[in-house]
Structure formats: structure tokens, C-alpha cells
Amino acid sequence: MSAFKPWLFPLAALLALVTGSSSASLITHFELSGLSPFTTSGSTDLLTVTALDASNVVVPTYSGTAHFASSDFAALLPPNYTFVVADSGTHTFSLELFTLGPQSITAFDTSDTSISGTISTTVVARVPEPATLALLAIGIAGLGVSRRKH
């Protein structure tokens, strides 16, 4: 009968990490979160991508590369990103959407495109600043005054 050797566990974990053979959960999909249901055209938004297994548990050892796509062809999307150990399976990105109406953003793994996740939002027009509206009102009033004089 062999004696219990707790010092072997870290060594076994390191070996599994180096060889890629591990009984740890494998990623099956991404969860995308943080984007509100409505976003303003041209504003910078934050999007969090989380690597999950089939039981929706975070896979902290995920080290694949995520690629982004959007139904908004004018969108400014993050470049491809390779997850690192410090991410623990979750990373936050910034992006900008421009085309008004319903839009979606999809992240997928570059080596296995079946690993993906999608989030949707509706892009709305930017509301003019109050000062802009005040200038417009002054301009219209000025036109009215100049027409009365002539």
C-alpha cells in the first residue's frame, strides 16, 4: 500500500497543464455580458467575455484566442485576444457601435468556431447636448426676427 503524498498534486497539475491532458473542464461556449439593451451610437461600451464549460462554470485555465464579429459593419471591435492565466477565464473589452437599430456582437474561438457567444443590443441616436439645442433655438429666433424687419 502506498503512502499519501500531497506534494504530488501540484506536480500532477503542472504536468497536466504542460501536456494539455487534464480532467479539468473544457470550454464549450462564451458568455458575453456587460452591454446594456440600448447603447448610444458612437459611445464606447464595455463587453465582458467569459469562458464557460457545459455546466456554465467558468474555465479559469482557458488560453485560447477570441475573435469578434458584429452585425454592425461600421463597429469598432476589439482585435483578436489570447486569454492568459491572469484572466482566469474572463476578460473585458471596449467597443463602439454606430449603425442604428438592433445589432449583435459575437465572440468565437479562433481554433474552434463552435465555441462562441453572442449578445444583442439596440443602437440609438445620440441626443444633442442642451447647449446645441439652445444655439438652434437662438438661430431660429434670429431668423424670425430678421424676417419681421424686412
N, C-alpha and C. Protein backbone atom coordinates (compact mmCIF):
# COMPACT_ATOMS: atom_id res chain seq x y z
N MET A 1 0.84 -1.18 0.00
CA MET A 1 0.00 0.00 0.00
C MET A 1 0.89 1.24 0.00
N SER A 2 0.58 2.19 -0.91
CA SER A 2 1.42 3.38 -1.00
C SER A 2 0.95 4.44 -0.02
N ALA A 3 1.89 5.24 0.43
CA ALA A 3 1.59 6.31 1.37
C ALA A 3 1.03 7.52 0.62
N PHE A 4 0.20 8.30 1.28
CA PHE A 4 -0.39 9.52 0.72
C PHE A 4 0.71 10.56 0.55
N LYS A 5 0.87 11.09 -0.63
CA LYS A 5 1.93 12.06 -0.92
C LYS A 5 1.31 13.33 -1.48
N PRO A 6 0.92 14.29 -0.61
CA PRO A 6 0.25 15.51 -1.07
C PRO A 6 1.13 16.38 -1.97
N TRP A 7 2.45 16.24 -1.88
CA TRP A 7 3.34 17.04 -2.71
C TRP A 7 3.24 16.66 -4.19
N LEU A 8 2.61 15.53 -4.50
CA LEU A 8 2.46 15.11 -5.89
C LEU A 8 1.35 15.87 -6.62
N PHE A 9 0.36 16.41 -5.88
CA PHE A 9 -0.76 17.09 -6.53
C PHE A 9 -0.32 18.31 -7.36
N PRO A 10 0.51 19.22 -6.80
CA PRO A 10 0.94 20.34 -7.65
C PRO A 10 1.74 19.87 -8.86
N LEU A 11 2.56 18.83 -8.68
CA LEU A 11 3.34 18.29 -9.79
C LEU A 11 2.42 17.71 -10.86
N ALA A 12 1.38 17.01 -10.46
CA ALA A 12 0.42 16.44 -11.42
C ALA A 12 -0.33 17.55 -12.15
N ALA A 13 -0.69 18.60 -11.44
CA ALA A 13 -1.39 19.73 -12.06
C ALA A 13 -0.49 20.42 -13.09
N LEU A 14 0.79 20.59 -12.74
CA LEU A 14 1.73 21.20 -13.67
C LEU A 14 1.92 20.32 -14.90
N LEU A 15 2.04 19.03 -14.71
CA LEU A 15 2.19 18.10 -15.82
C LEU A 15 0.97 18.15 -16.74
N ALA A 16 -0.22 18.21 -16.14
CA ALA A 16 -1.46 18.29 -16.94
C ALA A 16 -1.51 19.58 -17.73
N LEU A 17 -1.04 20.67 -17.14
CA LEU A 17 -1.05 21.96 -17.82
C LEU A 17 -0.07 21.96 -18.99
N VAL A 18 1.12 21.39 -18.78
CA VAL A 18 2.14 21.36 -19.82
C VAL A 18 1.74 20.43 -20.96
N THR A 19 1.20 19.28 -20.65
CA THR A 19 0.87 18.30 -21.69
C THR A 19 -0.50 18.53 -22.29
N GLY A 20 -1.31 19.35 -21.65
CA GLY A 20 -2.65 19.61 -22.16
C GLY A 20 -3.64 18.52 -21.80
N SER A 21 -3.20 17.52 -21.06
CA SER A 21 -4.11 16.45 -20.66
C SER A 21 -4.54 16.69 -19.23
N SER A 22 -5.79 16.96 -19.06
CA SER A 22 -6.28 17.28 -17.74
C SER A 22 -7.71 16.82 -17.62
N SER A 23 -8.12 16.52 -16.43
CA SER A 23 -9.52 16.15 -16.22
C SER A 23 -10.35 17.40 -15.94
N ALA A 24 -9.70 18.58 -16.01
CA ALA A 24 -10.41 19.85 -15.78
C ALA A 24 -11.44 20.06 -16.89
N SER A 25 -12.43 20.88 -16.60
CA SER A 25 -13.49 21.16 -17.56
C SER A 25 -12.94 21.81 -18.81
N LEU A 26 -13.55 21.47 -19.94
CA LEU A 26 -13.20 22.08 -21.21
C LEU A 26 -14.22 23.15 -21.56
N ILE A 27 -13.75 24.20 -22.18
CA ILE A 27 -14.66 25.26 -22.58
C ILE A 27 -15.60 24.76 -23.68
N THR A 28 -16.87 25.14 -23.56
CA THR A 28 -17.86 24.78 -24.59
C THR A 28 -18.47 26.02 -25.23
N HIS A 29 -18.42 27.16 -24.53
CA HIS A 29 -19.01 28.37 -25.09
C HIS A 29 -18.54 29.60 -24.32
N PHE A 30 -18.81 30.77 -24.91
CA PHE A 30 -18.55 32.05 -24.26
C PHE A 30 -19.86 32.64 -23.77
N GLU A 31 -19.78 33.33 -22.64
CA GLU A 31 -20.89 34.17 -22.20
C GLU A 31 -20.43 35.61 -22.40
N LEU A 32 -21.25 36.40 -23.10
CA LEU A 32 -20.96 37.81 -23.30
C LEU A 32 -21.91 38.61 -22.42
N SER A 33 -21.37 39.57 -21.68
CA SER A 33 -22.20 40.34 -20.76
C SER A 33 -21.67 41.77 -20.66
N GLY A 34 -22.43 42.62 -19.97
CA GLY A 34 -22.00 43.98 -19.71
C GLY A 34 -22.55 45.01 -20.68
N LEU A 35 -23.05 44.58 -21.81
CA LEU A 35 -23.60 45.50 -22.79
C LEU A 35 -25.07 45.73 -22.47
N SER A 36 -25.48 47.00 -22.35
CA SER A 36 -26.87 47.28 -21.99
C SER A 36 -27.79 47.00 -23.17
N PRO A 37 -29.11 46.86 -22.93
CA PRO A 37 -30.06 46.59 -24.01
C PRO A 37 -30.10 47.72 -25.05
N PHE A 38 -29.76 48.95 -24.63
CA PHE A 38 -29.71 50.09 -25.54
C PHE A 38 -28.37 50.77 -25.36
N THR A 39 -27.74 51.13 -26.48
CA THR A 39 -26.47 51.84 -26.43
C THR A 39 -26.50 52.99 -27.43
N THR A 40 -25.76 54.03 -27.14
CA THR A 40 -25.74 55.22 -27.99
C THR A 40 -24.72 55.07 -29.10
N SER A 41 -25.11 55.43 -30.30
CA SER A 41 -24.23 55.36 -31.46
C SER A 41 -22.94 56.14 -31.19
N GLY A 42 -21.81 55.48 -31.41
CA GLY A 42 -20.51 56.13 -31.25
C GLY A 42 -19.96 56.17 -29.85
N SER A 43 -20.71 55.67 -28.87
CA SER A 43 -20.19 55.68 -27.50
C SER A 43 -19.34 54.42 -27.26
N THR A 44 -18.40 54.53 -26.35
CA THR A 44 -17.56 53.39 -26.00
C THR A 44 -18.28 52.54 -24.97
N ASP A 45 -18.44 51.27 -25.28
CA ASP A 45 -19.10 50.33 -24.37
C ASP A 45 -18.13 49.26 -23.94
N LEU A 46 -18.41 48.66 -22.79
CA LEU A 46 -17.59 47.57 -22.27
C LEU A 46 -18.33 46.25 -22.44
N LEU A 47 -17.59 45.24 -22.85
CA LEU A 47 -18.14 43.91 -23.09
C LEU A 47 -17.24 42.90 -22.39
N THR A 48 -17.83 42.06 -21.55
CA THR A 48 -17.06 41.03 -20.84
C THR A 48 -17.30 39.68 -21.48
N VAL A 49 -16.22 38.97 -21.77
CA VAL A 49 -16.29 37.63 -22.35
C VAL A 49 -15.80 36.66 -21.29
N THR A 50 -16.62 35.63 -21.03
CA THR A 50 -16.28 34.62 -20.03
C THR A 50 -16.30 33.24 -20.68
N ALA A 51 -15.24 32.47 -20.47
CA ALA A 51 -15.14 31.11 -20.99
C ALA A 51 -15.86 30.16 -20.03
N LEU A 52 -16.84 29.41 -20.55
CA LEU A 52 -17.65 28.51 -19.71
C LEU A 52 -17.60 27.08 -20.22
N ASP A 53 -17.85 26.15 -19.29
CA ASP A 53 -17.97 24.74 -19.69
C ASP A 53 -19.44 24.40 -19.90
N ALA A 54 -19.74 23.14 -20.15
CA ALA A 54 -21.11 22.72 -20.43
C ALA A 54 -22.06 22.95 -19.26
N SER A 55 -21.52 23.07 -18.05
CA SER A 55 -22.35 23.31 -16.87
C SER A 55 -22.41 24.80 -16.52
N ASN A 56 -21.95 25.66 -17.44
CA ASN A 56 -21.90 27.12 -17.23
C ASN A 56 -20.99 27.52 -16.07
N VAL A 57 -19.94 26.76 -15.87
CA VAL A 57 -18.93 27.07 -14.85
C VAL A 57 -17.74 27.71 -15.57
N VAL A 58 -17.20 28.77 -14.98
CA VAL A 58 -16.05 29.45 -15.58
C VAL A 58 -14.87 28.49 -15.68
N VAL A 59 -14.19 28.53 -16.84
CA VAL A 59 -12.99 27.72 -17.06
C VAL A 59 -11.79 28.65 -16.91
N PRO A 60 -11.20 28.72 -15.70
CA PRO A 60 -10.14 29.69 -15.43
C PRO A 60 -8.84 29.42 -16.19
N THR A 61 -8.68 28.22 -16.73
CA THR A 61 -7.45 27.86 -17.44
C THR A 61 -7.55 28.09 -18.94
N TYR A 62 -8.65 28.64 -19.41
CA TYR A 62 -8.81 28.86 -20.85
C TYR A 62 -7.70 29.77 -21.36
N SER A 63 -7.04 29.35 -22.45
CA SER A 63 -5.94 30.14 -23.01
C SER A 63 -6.04 30.26 -24.53
N GLY A 64 -7.26 30.14 -25.04
CA GLY A 64 -7.47 30.28 -26.48
C GLY A 64 -7.54 31.73 -26.90
N THR A 65 -7.78 31.94 -28.19
CA THR A 65 -7.86 33.28 -28.76
C THR A 65 -9.28 33.57 -29.19
N ALA A 66 -9.80 34.72 -28.75
CA ALA A 66 -11.16 35.14 -29.10
C ALA A 66 -11.10 36.12 -30.27
N HIS A 67 -12.04 35.96 -31.19
CA HIS A 67 -12.20 36.87 -32.33
C HIS A 67 -13.60 37.45 -32.26
N PHE A 68 -13.77 38.70 -32.70
CA PHE A 68 -15.05 39.38 -32.59
C PHE A 68 -15.63 39.69 -33.96
N ALA A 69 -16.96 39.60 -34.05
CA ALA A 69 -17.69 39.96 -35.26
C ALA A 69 -18.97 40.66 -34.83
N SER A 70 -19.55 41.46 -35.72
CA SER A 70 -20.77 42.19 -35.39
C SER A 70 -21.65 42.33 -36.62
N SER A 71 -22.95 42.46 -36.39
CA SER A 71 -23.88 42.75 -37.47
C SER A 71 -23.73 44.21 -37.90
N ASP A 72 -23.10 45.04 -37.07
CA ASP A 72 -22.83 46.44 -37.38
C ASP A 72 -21.48 46.50 -38.11
N PHE A 73 -21.54 46.65 -39.44
CA PHE A 73 -20.31 46.64 -40.22
C PHE A 73 -19.44 47.86 -39.96
N ALA A 74 -19.99 48.90 -39.33
CA ALA A 74 -19.21 50.09 -39.01
C ALA A 74 -18.61 50.02 -37.60
N ALA A 75 -18.86 48.94 -36.88
CA ALA A 75 -18.41 48.82 -35.49
C ALA A 75 -16.89 48.84 -35.37
N LEU A 76 -16.42 49.40 -34.27
CA LEU A 76 -15.01 49.32 -33.91
C LEU A 76 -14.90 48.22 -32.85
N LEU A 77 -14.42 47.06 -33.29
CA LEU A 77 -14.37 45.88 -32.41
C LEU A 77 -12.96 45.67 -31.88
N PRO A 78 -12.85 44.95 -30.76
CA PRO A 78 -11.51 44.64 -30.24
C PRO A 78 -10.75 43.74 -31.21
N PRO A 79 -9.42 43.83 -31.22
CA PRO A 79 -8.64 42.89 -32.03
C PRO A 79 -8.69 41.50 -31.39
N ASN A 80 -8.22 40.49 -32.11
CA ASN A 80 -8.13 39.15 -31.53
C ASN A 80 -7.37 39.24 -30.21
N TYR A 81 -7.83 38.44 -29.25
CA TYR A 81 -7.21 38.47 -27.92
C TYR A 81 -6.97 37.04 -27.43
N THR A 82 -5.74 36.76 -27.02
CA THR A 82 -5.41 35.46 -26.44
C THR A 82 -5.49 35.57 -24.93
N PHE A 83 -6.37 34.77 -24.34
CA PHE A 83 -6.54 34.78 -22.88
C PHE A 83 -5.26 34.28 -22.22
N VAL A 84 -4.95 34.88 -21.07
CA VAL A 84 -3.78 34.49 -20.30
C VAL A 84 -4.24 34.00 -18.92
N VAL A 85 -3.33 33.37 -18.20
CA VAL A 85 -3.66 32.79 -16.89
C VAL A 85 -4.27 33.85 -15.97
N ALA A 86 -3.74 35.06 -16.01
CA ALA A 86 -4.22 36.13 -15.13
C ALA A 86 -5.69 36.49 -15.39
N ASP A 87 -6.21 36.20 -16.59
CA ASP A 87 -7.62 36.48 -16.91
C ASP A 87 -8.58 35.58 -16.13
N SER A 88 -8.12 34.40 -15.75
CA SER A 88 -8.96 33.41 -15.05
C SER A 88 -10.26 33.14 -15.81
N GLY A 89 -10.17 33.13 -17.15
CA GLY A 89 -11.32 32.79 -17.98
C GLY A 89 -12.26 33.94 -18.29
N THR A 90 -11.94 35.16 -17.84
CA THR A 90 -12.80 36.31 -18.06
C THR A 90 -11.96 37.53 -18.44
N HIS A 91 -12.42 38.25 -19.47
CA HIS A 91 -11.70 39.47 -19.88
C HIS A 91 -12.72 40.49 -20.38
N THR A 92 -12.45 41.78 -20.10
CA THR A 92 -13.35 42.86 -20.52
C THR A 92 -12.70 43.65 -21.65
N PHE A 93 -13.51 43.97 -22.66
CA PHE A 93 -13.07 44.66 -23.86
C PHE A 93 -13.90 45.92 -24.07
N SER A 94 -13.36 46.88 -24.82
CA SER A 94 -14.14 48.05 -25.21
C SER A 94 -14.46 47.94 -26.70
N LEU A 95 -15.61 48.53 -27.07
CA LEU A 95 -16.04 48.53 -28.46
C LEU A 95 -16.96 49.71 -28.70
N GLU A 96 -17.17 50.03 -29.97
CA GLU A 96 -18.09 51.11 -30.34
C GLU A 96 -18.98 50.62 -31.48
N LEU A 97 -20.28 50.88 -31.35
CA LEU A 97 -21.25 50.55 -32.39
C LEU A 97 -21.77 51.85 -32.98
N PHE A 98 -22.11 51.85 -34.26
CA PHE A 98 -22.53 53.08 -34.93
C PHE A 98 -23.87 52.97 -35.65
N THR A 99 -24.16 51.82 -36.25
CA THR A 99 -25.36 51.69 -37.08
C THR A 99 -26.60 51.57 -36.20
N LEU A 100 -27.57 52.46 -36.43
CA LEU A 100 -28.79 52.48 -35.61
C LEU A 100 -29.61 51.22 -35.81
N GLY A 101 -30.28 50.80 -34.72
CA GLY A 101 -31.15 49.63 -34.77
C GLY A 101 -30.57 48.45 -34.03
N PRO A 102 -31.26 47.30 -34.11
CA PRO A 102 -30.78 46.09 -33.42
C PRO A 102 -29.44 45.62 -34.00
N GLN A 103 -28.50 45.32 -33.12
CA GLN A 103 -27.17 44.84 -33.53
C GLN A 103 -26.75 43.71 -32.61
N SER A 104 -25.87 42.86 -33.11
CA SER A 104 -25.34 41.77 -32.29
C SER A 104 -23.82 41.75 -32.38
N ILE A 105 -23.21 41.25 -31.32
CA ILE A 105 -21.76 41.05 -31.27
C ILE A 105 -21.54 39.59 -30.93
N THR A 106 -20.64 38.95 -31.67
CA THR A 106 -20.32 37.54 -31.42
C THR A 106 -18.82 37.41 -31.17
N ALA A 107 -18.47 36.62 -30.19
CA ALA A 107 -17.08 36.26 -29.94
C ALA A 107 -16.96 34.77 -30.19
N PHE A 108 -15.90 34.37 -30.89
CA PHE A 108 -15.69 32.94 -31.08
C PHE A 108 -14.21 32.62 -31.00
N ASP A 109 -13.93 31.36 -30.64
CA ASP A 109 -12.57 30.88 -30.51
C ASP A 109 -11.99 30.68 -31.91
N THR A 110 -10.79 31.18 -32.15
CA THR A 110 -10.22 31.11 -33.50
C THR A 110 -9.84 29.70 -33.93
N SER A 111 -9.61 28.79 -32.98
CA SER A 111 -9.25 27.43 -33.37
C SER A 111 -10.44 26.48 -33.35
N ASP A 112 -11.56 26.88 -32.75
CA ASP A 112 -12.77 26.07 -32.74
C ASP A 112 -13.97 27.01 -32.74
N THR A 113 -14.49 27.30 -33.93
CA THR A 113 -15.56 28.30 -34.05
C THR A 113 -16.89 27.84 -33.44
N SER A 114 -16.98 26.57 -33.03
CA SER A 114 -18.21 26.15 -32.33
C SER A 114 -18.24 26.72 -30.91
N ILE A 115 -17.08 27.16 -30.43
CA ILE A 115 -17.01 27.84 -29.13
C ILE A 115 -17.28 29.31 -29.40
N SER A 116 -18.48 29.75 -29.04
CA SER A 116 -18.86 31.13 -29.34
C SER A 116 -19.90 31.62 -28.35
N GLY A 117 -20.21 32.89 -28.45
CA GLY A 117 -21.26 33.51 -27.65
C GLY A 117 -21.68 34.78 -28.34
N THR A 118 -22.94 35.15 -28.18
CA THR A 118 -23.49 36.33 -28.83
C THR A 118 -24.29 37.15 -27.84
N ILE A 119 -24.25 38.47 -28.01
CA ILE A 119 -25.06 39.38 -27.22
C ILE A 119 -25.68 40.39 -28.18
N SER A 120 -26.87 40.86 -27.85
CA SER A 120 -27.57 41.82 -28.70
C SER A 120 -27.85 43.11 -27.95
N THR A 121 -27.97 44.17 -28.71
CA THR A 121 -28.30 45.49 -28.17
C THR A 121 -29.01 46.27 -29.27
N THR A 122 -29.59 47.38 -28.91
CA THR A 122 -30.17 48.28 -29.90
C THR A 122 -29.42 49.59 -29.84
N VAL A 123 -28.89 50.01 -30.98
CA VAL A 123 -28.13 51.26 -31.05
C VAL A 123 -29.10 52.40 -31.34
N VAL A 124 -29.02 53.42 -30.49
CA VAL A 124 -29.91 54.58 -30.63
C VAL A 124 -29.08 55.82 -30.96
N ALA A 125 -29.75 56.83 -31.54
CA ALA A 125 -29.07 58.06 -31.92
C ALA A 125 -28.63 58.84 -30.69
N ARG A 126 -27.55 59.54 -30.87
CA ARG A 126 -27.02 60.39 -29.81
C ARG A 126 -27.98 61.58 -29.63
N VAL A 127 -28.31 61.92 -28.41
CA VAL A 127 -29.18 63.05 -28.10
C VAL A 127 -28.33 64.31 -28.08
N PRO A 128 -28.77 65.37 -28.76
CA PRO A 128 -27.97 66.61 -28.77
C PRO A 128 -27.80 67.18 -27.35
N GLU A 129 -26.68 67.80 -27.12
CA GLU A 129 -26.41 68.46 -25.84
C GLU A 129 -27.36 69.64 -25.68
N PRO A 130 -27.73 70.00 -24.45
CA PRO A 130 -28.62 71.15 -24.24
C PRO A 130 -28.09 72.44 -24.88
N ALA A 131 -26.78 72.65 -24.85
CA ALA A 131 -26.21 73.86 -25.45
C ALA A 131 -26.45 73.88 -26.95
N THR A 132 -26.38 72.72 -27.59
CA THR A 132 -26.64 72.64 -29.02
C THR A 132 -28.08 73.01 -29.32
N LEU A 133 -28.99 72.52 -28.51
CA LEU A 133 -30.40 72.85 -28.69
C LEU A 133 -30.65 74.33 -28.45
N ALA A 134 -29.95 74.92 -27.49
CA ALA A 134 -30.11 76.35 -27.20
C ALA A 134 -29.62 77.18 -28.39
N LEU A 135 -28.49 76.80 -28.98
CA LEU A 135 -27.98 77.51 -30.15
C LEU A 135 -28.95 77.41 -31.32
N LEU A 136 -29.53 76.22 -31.51
CA LEU A 136 -30.51 76.03 -32.57
C LEU A 136 -31.71 76.95 -32.35
N ALA A 137 -32.20 77.02 -31.11
CA ALA A 137 -33.35 77.87 -30.79
C ALA A 137 -33.02 79.34 -31.03
N ILE A 138 -31.83 79.77 -30.65
CA ILE A 138 -31.42 81.17 -30.87
C ILE A 138 -31.35 81.46 -32.37
N GLY A 139 -30.80 80.52 -33.14
CA GLY A 139 -30.71 80.69 -34.59
C GLY A 139 -32.08 80.81 -35.23
N ILE A 140 -33.02 79.97 -34.83
CA ILE A 140 -34.39 80.02 -35.38
C ILE A 140 -35.06 81.33 -34.98
N ALA A 141 -34.88 81.74 -33.73
CA ALA A 141 -35.46 83.01 -33.27
C ALA A 141 -34.86 84.17 -34.07
N GLY A 142 -33.57 84.11 -34.33
CA GLY A 142 -32.91 85.16 -35.11
C GLY A 142 -33.46 85.25 -36.51
N LEU A 143 -33.75 84.08 -37.11
CA LEU A 143 -34.36 84.08 -38.45
C LEU A 143 -35.74 84.74 -38.41
N GLY A 144 -36.50 84.44 -37.37
CA GLY A 144 -37.84 85.03 -37.24
C GLY A 144 -37.77 86.55 -37.10
N VAL A 145 -36.82 87.04 -36.31
CA VAL A 145 -36.66 88.48 -36.10
C VAL A 145 -36.22 89.15 -37.40
N SER A 146 -35.29 88.54 -38.12
CA SER A 146 -34.80 89.16 -39.37
C SER A 146 -35.90 89.18 -40.43
N ARG A 147 -36.79 88.24 -40.45
CA ARG A 147 -37.89 88.24 -41.44
C ARG A 147 -38.91 89.34 -41.12
N ARG A 148 -39.10 89.62 -39.86
CA ARG A 148 -40.07 90.67 -39.48
C ARG A 148 -39.55 92.04 -39.88
N LYS A 149 -38.25 92.25 -39.83
CA LYS A 149 -37.68 93.55 -40.17
C LYS A 149 -37.79 93.82 -41.67
N HIS A 150 -37.81 92.82 -42.50
CA HIS A 150 -37.84 93.02 -43.95
C HIS A 150 -39.20 92.93 -44.50
